[in-house]
Protein backbone atom coordinates (compact mmCIF):
# COMPACT_ATOMS: atom_id res chain seq x y z
CA MET A 1 -13.03 -20.82 -31.07
CA ALA A 2 -12.07 -18.15 -28.67
CA LYS A 3 -8.53 -18.12 -27.26
CA LYS A 4 -7.83 -18.08 -23.90
CA THR A 5 -6.25 -15.28 -22.62
CA THR A 6 -4.10 -14.43 -19.12
CA SER A 7 -3.26 -11.49 -17.65
CA ASN A 8 0.48 -10.43 -16.72
CA THR A 9 0.81 -10.01 -13.05
CA SER A 10 3.30 -9.21 -11.18
CA ASN A 11 4.14 -8.83 -7.36
CA SER A 12 4.88 -4.95 -7.66
CA VAL A 13 3.40 -1.84 -6.61
CA ILE A 14 3.97 0.62 -9.29
CA LYS A 15 3.31 4.70 -9.13
CA ASN A 16 1.12 5.49 -11.87
CA ASP A 17 2.78 5.83 -15.15
CA GLU A 18 3.58 8.74 -17.14
CA LYS A 19 0.45 8.02 -19.51
CA ALA A 20 -2.43 8.71 -16.40
CA THR A 21 -0.15 11.43 -15.10
CA GLY A 22 0.61 13.51 -18.05
CA CYS A 23 4.15 13.79 -16.74
CA LYS A 24 7.34 11.99 -16.24
CA GLN A 25 7.55 10.39 -12.56
CA LYS A 26 10.06 7.94 -11.36
CA LYS A 27 8.84 4.99 -11.15
CA SER A 28 9.20 3.22 -7.86
CA ASN A 29 8.95 -1.13 -7.46
CA VAL A 30 8.07 -2.42 -4.52
CA ASP A 31 7.59 -6.11 -3.70
CA LEU A 32 3.80 -6.61 -2.65
CA ASN A 33 4.56 -8.76 -0.20
CA GLN A 34 6.73 -6.65 1.79
CA PHE A 35 4.73 -3.61 1.08
CA LEU A 36 1.76 -5.26 2.78
CA SER A 37 3.54 -6.66 5.53
CA GLU A 38 4.82 -3.43 6.14
CA ILE A 39 1.41 -1.86 6.48
CA GLU A 40 0.10 -5.23 8.47
CA LYS A 41 3.09 -4.34 11.02
CA ARG A 42 2.37 -0.62 11.59
CA ALA A 43 -1.14 -1.30 11.67
CA TYR A 44 -0.96 -3.72 14.40
CA GLU A 45 1.58 -0.92 16.09
CA ILE A 46 -1.38 1.48 15.79
CA TYR A 47 -3.83 -0.37 17.22
CA GLU A 48 -1.58 -1.06 20.36
CA GLU A 49 -0.76 2.46 20.89
CA ARG A 50 -4.48 3.51 20.49
CA LYS A 51 -5.48 0.27 22.96
CA LYS A 52 -2.90 1.48 25.26
CA ASN A 53 -3.63 5.10 25.29
CA HIS A 54 -7.84 4.17 25.38
CA ILE A 55 -8.49 5.71 22.39
CA PRO A 56 -11.36 5.11 20.48
CA GLY A 57 -10.94 3.68 16.72
CA ASP A 58 -11.35 0.28 14.63
CA ASP A 59 -8.67 -1.50 12.90
CA PHE A 60 -9.87 -0.52 9.53
CA THR A 61 -9.07 3.22 10.42
CA ASP A 62 -5.91 1.52 11.81
CA TRP A 63 -5.29 0.07 8.63
CA LEU A 64 -5.88 3.08 6.77
CA GLN A 65 -3.39 5.41 8.41
CA ALA A 66 -0.72 2.39 8.17
CA GLN A 67 -1.06 2.55 4.59
CA SER A 68 -0.74 5.94 4.37
CA GLU A 69 2.31 5.96 6.24
CA ILE A 70 3.94 3.25 4.60
CA LYS A 71 2.61 4.74 0.94
CA ALA A 72 4.60 8.24 2.40
CA LYS A 73 7.58 6.04 2.82
CA TYR A 74 8.08 5.01 -0.74
CA LYS A 75 6.78 7.88 -1.81
CA MET A 76 3.97 6.49 -3.19
CA ILE A 77 1.43 9.31 -2.76
């Protein structure tokens, strides 16, 4: 009979490890819920700024910009 396998998941976002990059890097553990919440908040701020200034755009682009900014904040780029 086949054994049921379970994956070990955690609520953290981790930089690429040494095996993937070939060099040693400091790992940055960030709570996933906090990380996503910060992106969501920043994306909404970007949306509000864009609408206030009548700048064309869309929610997906706002999200990508916010994600990029938050990743830079945590030095995850």
